[in-house]
Protein backbone atom coordinates (compact mmCIF):
# COMPACT_ATOMS: atom_id res chain seq x y z
CA UNK A 1 125.97 105.54 116.15
CA UNK A 2 124.07 104.80 119.42
CA UNK A 3 124.90 106.64 122.59
CA UNK A 4 126.47 104.56 125.49
CA UNK A 5 123.92 102.52 127.25
CA UNK A 6 121.19 103.15 124.60
CA UNK A 7 118.96 100.15 123.88
CA UNK A 8 116.20 100.43 121.18
CA UNK A 9 113.57 98.57 123.21
CA UNK A 10 111.00 101.47 123.50
CA UNK A 11 108.02 102.07 121.25
CA UNK A 12 109.15 102.51 117.58
CA UNK A 13 108.79 105.90 115.92
CA UNK A 14 105.59 105.71 113.95
CA UNK A 15 104.90 107.39 110.61
CA UNK A 16 101.59 108.30 108.94
CA UNK A 17 103.12 108.44 105.44
CA UNK A 18 106.09 107.36 103.49
CA UNK A 19 107.05 109.69 100.61
CA UNK A 20 109.26 108.14 98.01
CA UNK A 21 110.53 110.68 95.42
CA UNK A 22 113.54 112.84 94.48
CA UNK A 23 115.29 114.98 97.05
CA UNK A 24 117.55 118.11 96.65
CA UNK A 25 119.72 120.10 98.97
CA UNK A 26 118.80 123.29 97.17
CA UNK A 27 115.33 123.89 95.79
CA UNK A 28 111.71 122.83 96.32
CA UNK A 29 111.05 119.69 94.27
CA UNK A 30 110.21 116.09 95.20
CA UNK A 31 110.54 115.39 98.91
CA UNK A 32 111.96 118.83 99.46
CA UNK A 33 108.57 120.36 98.85
CA UNK A 34 106.36 117.39 99.72
CA UNK A 35 107.58 116.86 103.26
CA UNK A 36 106.94 120.40 104.61
CA UNK A 37 103.56 120.43 102.98
CA UNK A 38 102.60 117.04 104.47
CA UNK A 39 103.94 117.99 107.85
CA UNK A 40 101.91 121.21 107.82
CA UNK A 41 98.82 119.00 108.00
CA UNK A 42 100.09 117.30 111.10
CA UNK A 43 101.29 114.16 109.26
CA UNK A 44 104.51 112.36 110.33
CA UNK A 45 106.51 111.56 107.23
CA UNK A 46 109.37 109.26 106.38
CA UNK A 47 111.18 110.62 103.30
CA UNK A 48 112.91 108.07 101.06
CA UNK A 49 114.98 109.55 98.29
CA UNK A 50 114.94 108.02 94.80
CA UNK A 51 117.71 110.36 93.85
CA UNK A 52 119.77 112.74 96.01
CA UNK A 53 120.96 115.79 94.11
CA UNK A 54 122.69 119.11 94.95
CA UNK A 55 119.78 120.81 92.97
CA UNK A 56 117.53 120.28 90.03
CA UNK A 57 119.31 119.43 86.76
CA UNK A 58 118.45 122.74 84.99
CA UNK A 59 121.21 124.51 86.86
CA UNK A 60 124.79 124.71 85.27
CA UNK A 61 126.01 122.15 87.81
CA UNK A 62 124.45 119.25 89.57
CA UNK A 63 125.90 116.48 91.75
CA UNK A 64 124.49 113.30 93.04
CA UNK A 65 122.31 110.53 91.64
CA UNK A 66 120.22 107.51 92.36
CA UNK A 67 121.25 105.35 95.41
CA UNK A 68 122.51 101.79 94.82
CA UNK A 69 119.73 99.30 94.47
CA UNK A 70 120.73 97.48 97.66
CA UNK A 71 120.57 100.79 99.65
CA UNK A 72 117.16 101.68 98.20
CA UNK A 73 115.63 98.31 98.84
CA UNK A 74 117.27 98.18 102.31
CA UNK A 75 115.78 101.55 103.24
CA UNK A 76 112.33 100.38 102.41
CA UNK A 77 112.75 97.06 104.24
CA UNK A 78 114.39 98.61 107.35
CA UNK A 79 111.35 100.88 107.83
CA UNK A 80 109.19 97.73 108.24
CA UNK A 81 111.75 96.01 110.31
CA UNK A 82 111.90 98.86 112.83
CA UNK A 83 108.16 98.69 113.29
CA UNK A 84 107.70 102.24 111.96
CA UNK A 85 104.86 101.35 109.52
CA UNK A 86 102.43 99.74 111.85
CA UNK A 87 100.11 102.75 111.85
CA UNK A 88 100.99 103.80 108.27
CA UNK A 89 98.09 105.44 106.38
CA UNK A 90 99.59 106.25 103.04
CA UNK A 91 102.45 105.83 100.66
CA UNK A 92 103.19 108.56 98.09
CA UNK A 93 105.47 107.94 95.03
CA UNK A 94 106.95 110.58 92.84
CA UNK A 95 110.09 110.83 90.59
CA UNK A 96 111.97 107.59 90.33
CA UNK A 97 115.68 107.42 89.54
CA UNK A 98 115.78 104.26 87.46
CA UNK A 99 113.41 101.44 86.39
CA UNK A 100 114.63 98.98 88.95
CA UNK A 101 113.15 101.10 91.71
CA UNK A 102 109.67 100.57 90.22
CA UNK A 103 110.04 96.77 90.58
CA UNK A 104 111.45 97.18 94.15
CA UNK A 105 108.57 99.52 95.15
CA UNK A 106 106.02 97.12 93.70
CA UNK A 107 107.34 94.25 95.71
CA UNK A 108 107.44 96.37 98.88
CA UNK A 109 103.95 97.78 98.34
CA UNK A 110 102.55 94.31 97.78
CA UNK A 111 104.02 93.17 101.07
CA UNK A 112 102.42 96.20 102.89
CA UNK A 113 99.05 95.89 101.18
CA UNK A 114 98.84 92.14 102.08
CA UNK A 115 98.64 93.12 105.78
CA UNK A 116 97.40 96.72 105.48
CA UNK A 117 94.78 96.58 102.70
CA UNK A 118 93.38 100.02 103.63
CA UNK A 119 96.65 101.79 102.95
CA UNK A 120 96.12 104.71 100.59
CA UNK A 121 98.68 104.70 97.74
CA UNK A 122 99.09 107.85 95.66
CA UNK A 123 101.43 107.64 92.56
CA UNK A 124 102.57 110.76 90.60
CA UNK A 125 104.01 108.99 87.57
CA UNK A 126 106.71 111.54 86.72
CA UNK A 127 107.93 111.13 83.08
CA UNK A 128 108.14 114.63 81.70
CA UNK A 129 106.03 117.63 80.55
CA UNK A 130 104.98 119.47 77.37
CA UNK A 131 107.88 121.93 77.65
CA UNK A 132 110.75 119.50 77.93
CA UNK A 133 109.43 116.08 76.77
CA UNK A 134 110.59 112.92 78.57
CA UNK A 135 113.21 113.69 81.16
CA UNK A 136 113.46 110.49 83.16
CA UNK A 137 115.65 107.41 82.71
CA UNK A 138 114.97 105.11 79.74
CA UNK A 139 112.58 102.34 80.62
CA UNK A 140 110.65 104.10 83.33
CA UNK A 141 107.55 104.40 81.22
CA UNK A 142 107.27 100.65 80.75
CA UNK A 143 108.30 100.17 84.39
CA UNK A 144 105.37 102.19 85.54
CA UNK A 145 102.99 100.32 83.24
CA UNK A 146 104.32 96.95 84.25
CA UNK A 147 104.86 97.27 87.99
CA UNK A 148 103.03 100.14 89.61
CA UNK A 149 99.88 101.49 87.99
CA UNK A 150 97.51 98.86 89.35
CA UNK A 151 98.75 99.39 92.85
CA UNK A 152 97.66 102.99 93.15
CA UNK A 153 94.46 104.19 94.75
CA UNK A 154 94.92 107.48 92.91
CA UNK A 155 97.32 109.03 90.37
CA UNK A 156 98.24 112.56 89.44
CA UNK A 157 99.88 112.55 85.99
CA UNK A 158 100.02 115.76 84.02
CA UNK A 159 98.50 115.84 80.62
CA UNK A 160 101.74 114.95 78.86
CA UNK A 161 102.29 111.93 81.14
CA UNK A 162 98.71 110.74 80.75
CA UNK A 163 99.19 110.59 76.96
CA UNK A 164 102.38 108.57 77.31
CA UNK A 165 101.02 106.13 79.91
CA UNK A 166 97.90 105.43 77.95
CA UNK A 167 98.89 105.97 74.28
CA UNK A 168 95.62 107.74 73.82
CA UNK A 169 94.91 111.34 72.55
CA UNK A 170 94.62 114.07 75.16
CA UNK A 171 93.76 116.98 72.91
CA UNK A 172 90.62 118.13 74.78
CA UNK A 173 88.91 117.55 78.06
CA UNK A 174 86.87 114.70 76.66
CA UNK A 175 89.94 112.92 75.47
CA UNK A 176 91.54 113.45 78.93
CA UNK A 177 88.52 111.90 80.69
CA UNK A 178 88.55 108.85 78.35
CA UNK A 179 92.28 108.37 78.73
CA UNK A 180 92.19 108.72 82.47
CA UNK A 181 89.31 106.30 82.81
CA UNK A 182 91.45 103.59 81.02
CA UNK A 183 93.86 103.78 83.97
CA UNK A 184 91.08 102.85 86.50
CA UNK A 185 92.18 99.29 86.87
CA UNK A 186 93.23 97.17 89.87
CA UNK A 187 93.03 99.31 92.94
CA UNK A 188 92.86 102.60 91.08
CA UNK A 189 89.79 104.62 91.76
CA UNK A 190 90.63 108.13 90.66
CA UNK A 191 92.94 110.12 88.41
CA UNK A 192 93.66 113.83 88.84
CA UNK A 193 95.33 115.21 85.67
CA UNK A 194 97.28 118.43 85.97
CA UNK A 195 97.92 120.80 83.01
CA UNK A 196 95.12 118.94 81.21
CA UNK A 197 94.57 119.66 77.51
CA UNK A 198 96.44 123.07 77.54
CA UNK A 199 95.54 123.80 73.91
CA UNK A 200 91.86 123.52 74.72
CA UNK A 201 91.71 126.16 77.48
CA UNK A 202 92.24 129.85 77.69
CA UNK A 203 95.79 130.99 77.33
CA UNK A 204 95.84 132.46 80.87
CA UNK A 205 94.28 129.41 82.51
CA UNK A 206 95.31 125.89 83.68
CA UNK A 207 92.94 122.95 83.93
CA UNK A 208 93.02 120.11 86.38
CA UNK A 209 90.67 117.21 85.46
CA UNK A 210 89.49 114.81 88.21
CA UNK A 211 88.09 111.48 86.92
CA UNK A 212 86.49 108.58 88.74
CA UNK A 213 84.50 105.76 87.22
CA UNK A 214 81.19 107.70 87.57
CA UNK A 215 82.29 111.36 87.83
CA UNK A 216 84.51 113.89 86.17
CA UNK A 217 85.20 117.52 87.15
CA UNK A 218 87.29 120.27 85.56
CA UNK A 219 89.06 122.69 87.85
CA UNK A 220 90.44 125.96 86.45
CA UNK A 221 92.77 128.52 87.92
CA UNK A 222 94.88 131.31 86.56
CA UNK A 223 98.22 130.71 84.76
CA UNK A 224 101.13 132.82 86.14
CA UNK A 225 103.88 134.14 83.94
CA UNK A 226 106.46 132.15 85.98
CA UNK A 227 106.52 128.37 86.01
CA UNK A 228 108.68 127.29 89.03
CA UNK A 229 109.87 123.66 89.38
CA UNK A 230 108.00 121.53 91.90
CA UNK A 231 104.40 122.60 91.45
CA UNK A 232 103.36 119.06 90.47
CA UNK A 233 104.92 117.62 93.63
CA UNK A 234 103.31 120.31 95.72
CA UNK A 235 99.91 119.57 94.19
CA UNK A 236 100.24 115.82 94.89
CA UNK A 237 101.34 116.34 98.50
CA UNK A 238 98.56 118.83 99.22
CA UNK A 239 95.96 116.53 97.62
CA UNK A 240 97.10 113.50 99.54
CA UNK A 241 97.26 115.46 102.87
CA UNK A 242 93.78 116.94 102.36
CA UNK A 243 92.36 113.50 101.66
CA UNK A 244 94.01 111.99 104.74
CA UNK A 245 92.71 114.83 106.89
CA UNK A 246 89.14 114.00 105.93
CA UNK A 247 88.34 116.04 102.85
CA UNK A 248 86.32 114.43 100.12
CA UNK A 249 88.18 113.98 96.86
CA UNK A 250 86.82 116.95 95.07
CA UNK A 251 87.53 119.23 97.97
CA UNK A 252 91.05 117.82 98.26
CA UNK A 253 91.74 118.61 94.69
CA UNK A 254 90.43 122.17 95.15
CA UNK A 255 92.61 122.60 98.21
CA UNK A 256 95.65 121.33 96.31
CA UNK A 257 94.95 123.74 93.43
CA UNK A 258 94.73 126.52 96.01
CA UNK A 259 98.13 125.58 97.43
CA UNK A 260 99.72 125.73 94.05
CA UNK A 261 98.10 129.06 93.11
CA UNK A 262 99.33 130.69 96.38
CA UNK A 263 102.82 129.21 96.11
CA UNK A 264 103.32 130.46 92.56
CA UNK A 265 101.96 133.86 93.41
CA UNK A 266 104.29 134.15 96.43
CA UNK A 267 107.29 132.98 94.29
CA UNK A 268 106.48 135.58 91.71
CA UNK A 269 106.08 138.37 94.16
CA UNK A 270 109.43 137.61 95.70
CA UNK A 271 111.11 137.12 92.33
CA UNK A 272 112.45 133.88 93.72
CA UNK A 273 114.46 131.45 91.73
CA UNK A 274 112.81 128.49 93.50
CA UNK A 275 109.22 127.71 94.49
CA UNK A 276 108.18 129.41 97.77
CA UNK A 277 105.53 127.70 99.89
CA UNK A 278 102.43 129.54 100.95
CA UNK A 279 102.96 131.64 104.03
CA UNK A 280 100.59 129.58 106.18
CA UNK A 281 102.81 126.63 105.64
CA UNK A 282 106.10 128.53 106.32
CA UNK A 283 104.64 129.96 109.57
CA UNK A 284 103.31 126.58 110.70
CA UNK A 285 99.78 127.85 110.53
CA UNK A 286 98.21 125.28 108.28
CA UNK A 287 97.07 122.17 110.19
CA UNK A 288 94.11 121.96 107.82
CA UNK A 289 93.59 122.71 104.11
CA UNK A 290 93.92 126.34 103.02
CA UNK A 291 90.64 128.18 102.76
CA UNK A 292 89.61 128.89 99.19
CA UNK A 293 89.86 132.53 98.07
CA UNK A 294 87.90 131.92 94.80
CA UNK A 295 91.07 131.53 92.85
CA UNK A 296 90.04 128.01 91.74
CA UNK A 297 86.74 127.23 89.96
CA UNK A 298 85.24 123.80 89.41
CA UNK A 299 82.75 122.54 86.75
CA UNK A 300 81.18 119.14 86.77
CA UNK A 301 81.64 117.49 83.35
CA UNK A 302 79.11 114.75 84.08
CA UNK A 303 78.12 112.56 87.02
CA UNK A 304 76.21 109.30 87.49
CA UNK A 305 76.06 106.76 90.27
CA UNK A 306 78.81 104.18 90.31
CA UNK A 307 79.79 101.57 93.02
CA UNK A 308 83.37 102.69 92.43
CA UNK A 309 82.69 106.42 93.21
CA UNK A 310 85.18 107.71 95.84
CA UNK A 311 83.69 108.62 99.23
CA UNK A 312 84.95 108.94 102.75
CA UNK A 313 83.45 106.72 105.46
């Protein structure tokens, strides 16, 4: 594959972030939405697919699947072997194709964290949602619990996934805060719960609840009539990018909500079958978080000092 005379002796290509999640040829889910969002913030991204599909499975036909275990493990190890992760700032995990990937990722992350302890790890523990129930491979719930949860700095489950991960009720915002706080173990310092307690909010609203050891905030924004696939992946990518670009955690969540609101509105206006990104991203005009247009509102639930509160140096 090398050109004649080529010798890989120069400086290695360096990445800010490794994004490990699903990838589709057609559509905007997983890496296919996360990568353009992350790159719009000026971040260099290595995209590792956990599954490679023609499109999301809700279409009449779908082709592809999870890579062989040896390939998946080899991709992760070869990124280190090429020296591409020396300046790595973050690893972001999303949809996993099978339980074995959780164990492989845990080993790989542990190796990275041993030499790069400041690495920011975000995990979106994709399991399912209120509309469709569990839609991942059998055994992934236990794989997340056993291998990955304690390795995350932050997590972005939806309300359905939070209930499955914790086994706790999530009927109202108070329940969501208590359940999220039970996941603050190991490295984990914050949980941002999307579609939180939908039965406890207005019919035309969506809640996102941010929880740290000493603080909790509820963000609300309007609910659109359409529900395109990929909004959770967009939210996680925009949140992580905002954090890496220097926003405080609350501001990063606000910016991520704004990205989702704008994307869904643009998708609806275009009557698109797939999620469309905000125009600032499409035009390459978004090196920093989108300015708020008062579409998203935040309410502190309570706050008190804690040594584990999340701050930026």
